[in-house]
C-alpha atoms as a PDB file:
ATOM      1  CA  MET A   1      62.259  60.580 -92.227  1.00  0.00           C
ATOM      2  CA  THR A   2      62.111  62.515 -89.146  1.00  0.00           C
ATOM      3  CA  GLU A   3      64.108  65.397 -88.756  1.00  0.00           C
ATOM      4  CA  GLU A   4      66.499  65.769 -85.949  1.00  0.00           C
ATOM      5  CA  GLN A   5      66.578  69.037 -83.881  1.00  0.00           C
ATOM      6  CA  VAL A   6      70.274  69.359 -82.607  1.00  0.00           C
ATOM      7  CA  ILE A   7      69.835  71.832 -79.176  1.00  0.00           C
ATOM      8  CA  GLU A   8      73.238  73.526 -78.066  1.00  0.00           C
ATOM      9  CA  VAL A   9      74.120  73.419 -74.230  1.00  0.00           C
ATOM     10  CA  GLU A  10      76.668  75.426 -72.637  1.00  0.00           C
ATOM     11  CA  VAL A  11      78.681  74.707 -70.715  1.00  0.00           C
ATOM     12  CA  VAL A  12      79.409  76.660 -67.737  1.00  0.00           C
ATOM     13  CA  GLU A  13      81.949  76.177 -65.022  1.00  0.00           C
ATOM     14  CA  SER A  14      81.590  77.076 -61.744  1.00  0.00           C
ATOM     15  CA  THR A  15      84.446  79.414 -59.709  1.00  0.00           C
ATOM     16  CA  GLU A  16      82.911  78.465 -56.740  1.00  0.00           C
ATOM     17  CA  PRO A  17      84.525  76.105 -54.834  1.00  0.00           C
ATOM     18  CA  GLN A  18      82.935  72.532 -54.563  1.00  0.00           C
ATOM     19  CA  PRO A  19      82.163  70.952 -51.116  1.00  0.00           C
ATOM     20  CA  SER A  20      84.439  68.180 -50.183  1.00  0.00           C
ATOM     21  CA  PRO A  21      82.029  65.110 -49.513  1.00  0.00           C
ATOM     22  CA  ALA A  22      82.860  65.339 -45.815  1.00  0.00           C
ATOM     23  CA  GLN A  23      81.175  68.925 -45.696  1.00  0.00           C
ATOM     24  CA  ALA A  24      78.389  68.145 -48.014  1.00  0.00           C
ATOM     25  CA  ILE A  25      77.837  65.210 -45.431  1.00  0.00           C
ATOM     26  CA  VAL A  26      77.779  67.863 -42.332  1.00  0.00           C
ATOM     27  CA  ASP A  27      75.835  70.644 -44.371  1.00  0.00           C
ATOM     28  CA  GLU A  28      72.790  67.474 -44.830  1.00  0.00           C
ATOM     29  CA  THR A  29      73.616  66.746 -40.954  1.00  0.00           C
ATOM     30  CA  VAL A  30      72.523  70.438 -39.562  1.00  0.00           C
ATOM     31  CA  LYS A  31      69.561  70.486 -42.487  1.00  0.00           C
ATOM     32  CA  PHE A  32      68.055  67.550 -40.666  1.00  0.00           C
ATOM     33  CA  VAL A  33      68.982  68.472 -36.976  1.00  0.00           C
ATOM     34  CA  GLU A  34      67.597  72.012 -37.584  1.00  0.00           C
ATOM     35  CA  VAL A  35      64.253  69.919 -39.352  1.00  0.00           C
ATOM     36  CA  LEU A  36      63.625  67.262 -36.576  1.00  0.00           C
ATOM     37  CA  GLY A  37      64.521  70.399 -34.304  1.00  0.00           C
ATOM     38  CA  THR A  38      61.597  71.807 -35.682  1.00  0.00           C
ATOM     39  CA  ALA A  39      59.167  69.006 -35.641  1.00  0.00           C
ATOM     40  CA  LEU A  40      59.915  68.504 -32.028  1.00  0.00           C
ATOM     41  CA  ILE A  41      59.250  72.050 -31.116  1.00  0.00           C
ATOM     42  CA  ASN A  42      55.967  71.519 -32.733  1.00  0.00           C
ATOM     43  CA  THR A  43      55.339  68.474 -31.657  1.00  0.00           C
ATOM     44  CA  ALA A  44      55.733  69.890 -27.845  1.00  0.00           C
ATOM     45  CA  GLN A  45      52.949  72.073 -28.565  1.00  0.00           C
ATOM     46  CA  ASP A  46      50.809  69.764 -29.377  1.00  0.00           C
ATOM     47  CA  VAL A  47      51.575  67.730 -26.261  1.00  0.00           C
ATOM     48  CA  SER A  48      51.117  70.696 -23.957  1.00  0.00           C
ATOM     49  CA  ASN A  49      48.008  70.590 -25.058  1.00  0.00           C
ATOM     50  CA  LEU A  50      47.511  67.515 -24.376  1.00  0.00           C
ATOM     51  CA  MET A  51      44.701  66.533 -21.624  1.00  0.00           C
ATOM     52  CA  VAL A  52      43.716  62.858 -19.686  1.00  0.00           C
ATOM     53  CA  VAL A  53      40.081  62.476 -18.652  1.00  0.00           C
ATOM     54  CA  LYS A  54      38.764  59.803 -16.924  1.00  0.00           C
ATOM     55  CA  VAL A  55      35.476  59.017 -18.461  1.00  0.00           C
ATOM     56  CA  ASP A  56      32.170  56.775 -17.323  1.00  0.00           C
ATOM     57  CA  LYS A  57      31.313  53.393 -19.101  1.00  0.00           C
ATOM     58  CA  ASP A  58      28.459  55.394 -21.455  1.00  0.00           C
ATOM     59  CA  THR A  59      30.349  58.941 -22.137  1.00  0.00           C
ATOM     60  CA  ARG A  60      32.663  55.931 -23.565  1.00  0.00           C
ATOM     61  CA  ARG A  61      30.178  53.781 -24.961  1.00  0.00           C
ATOM     62  CA  TYR A  62      29.139  57.428 -26.765  1.00  0.00           C
ATOM     63  CA  MET A  63      32.241  58.186 -28.056  1.00  0.00           C
ATOM     64  CA  ASP A  64      32.887  55.129 -29.844  1.00  0.00           C
ATOM     65  CA  MET A  65      29.593  55.383 -31.357  1.00  0.00           C
ATOM     66  CA  LEU A  66      30.615  58.776 -32.834  1.00  0.00           C
ATOM     67  CA  VAL A  67      33.584  57.666 -34.322  1.00  0.00           C
ATOM     68  CA  ALA A  68      31.913  54.177 -35.486  1.00  0.00           C
ATOM     69  CA  THR A  69      29.624  55.627 -37.249  1.00  0.00           C
ATOM     70  CA  GLY A  70      32.424  57.799 -39.325  1.00  0.00           C
ATOM     71  CA  ALA A  71      30.858  60.962 -37.687  1.00  0.00           C
ATOM     72  CA  VAL A  72      33.774  61.751 -36.260  1.00  0.00           C
ATOM     73  CA  LYS A  73      37.440  59.283 -37.872  1.00  0.00           C
ATOM     74  CA  ASN A  74      38.647  58.788 -33.583  1.00  0.00           C
ATOM     75  CA  ARG A  75      37.370  59.222 -29.391  1.00  0.00           C
ATOM     76  CA  THR A  76      40.186  61.986 -30.027  1.00  0.00           C
ATOM     77  CA  GLN A  77      37.608  64.163 -32.278  1.00  0.00           C
ATOM     78  CA  ALA A  78      34.584  62.650 -30.627  1.00  0.00           C
ATOM     79  CA  ALA A  79      35.904  63.848 -27.558  1.00  0.00           C
ATOM     80  CA  ASN A  80      36.657  67.283 -28.755  1.00  0.00           C
ATOM     81  CA  ALA A  81      33.343  67.475 -30.135  1.00  0.00           C
ATOM     82  CA  LEU A  82      31.386  65.999 -26.787  1.00  0.00           C
ATOM     83  CA  LEU A  83      33.445  68.919 -24.738  1.00  0.00           C
ATOM     84  CA  GLU A  84      32.991  71.301 -27.470  1.00  0.00           C
ATOM     85  CA  GLU A  85      28.681  70.564 -27.060  1.00  0.00           C
ATOM     86  CA  GLY A  86      28.429  70.909 -23.570  1.00  0.00           C
ATOM     87  CA  VAL A  87      30.309  74.510 -23.665  1.00  0.00           C
ATOM     88  CA  GLU A  88      27.561  75.638 -26.337  1.00  0.00           C
ATOM     89  CA  ALA A  89      25.012  73.976 -24.216  1.00  0.00           C
ATOM     90  CA  LYS A  90      26.354  75.927 -21.372  1.00  0.00           C
ATOM     91  CA  ARG A  91      27.469  79.108 -23.161  1.00  0.00           C
ATOM     92  CA  ASP A  92      25.620  81.590 -20.727  1.00  0.00           C
ATOM     93  CA  LEU A  93      26.500  79.789 -17.396  1.00  0.00           C
ATOM     94  CA  PHE A  94      29.925  80.164 -18.709  1.00  0.00           C
ATOM     95  CA  GLU A  95      29.450  83.751 -20.128  1.00  0.00           C
ATOM     96  CA  LYS A  96      28.099  84.382 -16.302  1.00  0.00           C
ATOM     97  CA  ILE A  97      31.447  82.708 -14.626  1.00  0.00           C
ATOM     98  CA  GLU A  98      33.515  84.565 -17.032  1.00  0.00           C
ATOM     99  CA  ARG A  99      31.955  88.153 -15.996  1.00  0.00           C
ATOM    100  CA  THR A 100      31.722  87.403 -11.874  1.00  0.00           C
ATOM    101  CA  HIS A 101      35.911  86.189 -12.803  1.00  0.00           C
ATOM    102  CA  ASP A 102      37.122  89.217 -13.831  1.00  0.00           C
ATOM    103  CA  GLN A 103      34.859  91.230 -11.042  1.00  0.00           C
ATOM    104  CA  ILE A 104      37.043  89.100  -9.066  1.00  0.00           C
ATOM    105  CA  GLN A 105      40.186  90.022 -10.596  1.00  0.00           C
ATOM    106  CA  ALA A 106      39.588  93.958 -10.531  1.00  0.00           C
ATOM    107  CA  LEU A 107      38.490  93.573  -6.564  1.00  0.00           C
ATOM    108  CA  LYS A 108      41.640  91.597  -5.992  1.00  0.00           C
ATOM    109  CA  SER A 109      43.574  94.498  -7.964  1.00  0.00           C
ATOM    110  CA  GLN A 110      42.269  97.345  -5.725  1.00  0.00           C
ATOM    111  CA  MET A 111      42.891  95.477  -2.362  1.00  0.00           C
ATOM    112  CA  ARG A 112      46.024  95.421  -3.223  1.00  0.00           C
ATOM    113  CA  SER A 113      46.416  98.783  -4.345  1.00  0.00           C
ATOM    114  CA  LEU A 114      44.819  99.694  -0.715  1.00  0.00           C
ATOM    115  CA  VAL A 115      47.103  97.643   0.614  1.00  0.00           C
ATOM    116  CA  ALA A 116      50.740  98.842  -0.845  1.00  0.00           C
ATOM    117  CA  GLY A 117      49.118 102.371  -0.992  1.00  0.00           C
END
């Protein structure tokens, strides 16, 4: 024979009023709308980073090769990989452009100060 264990459970009645079914539906709807709003904001932020770029046949073929070999999951990742490689290959040029841009901005600021002053 097996021994049985008796577990005592204490029932505690809540003194807080339980929401009506209608209130529970409203509460759940509010939660859903908040989650949906957060998802929409995140999606809008993601969309703001999107760009439409026209590529030639060869570039598209290379992108498709990267996808076909499994190096990347999709064309978006292929495009990102190719862009990153291109930027890295021209890093010195972009640094010179950035320095020149900063110098131009500083000169414009000086010009505005002279005209306003």
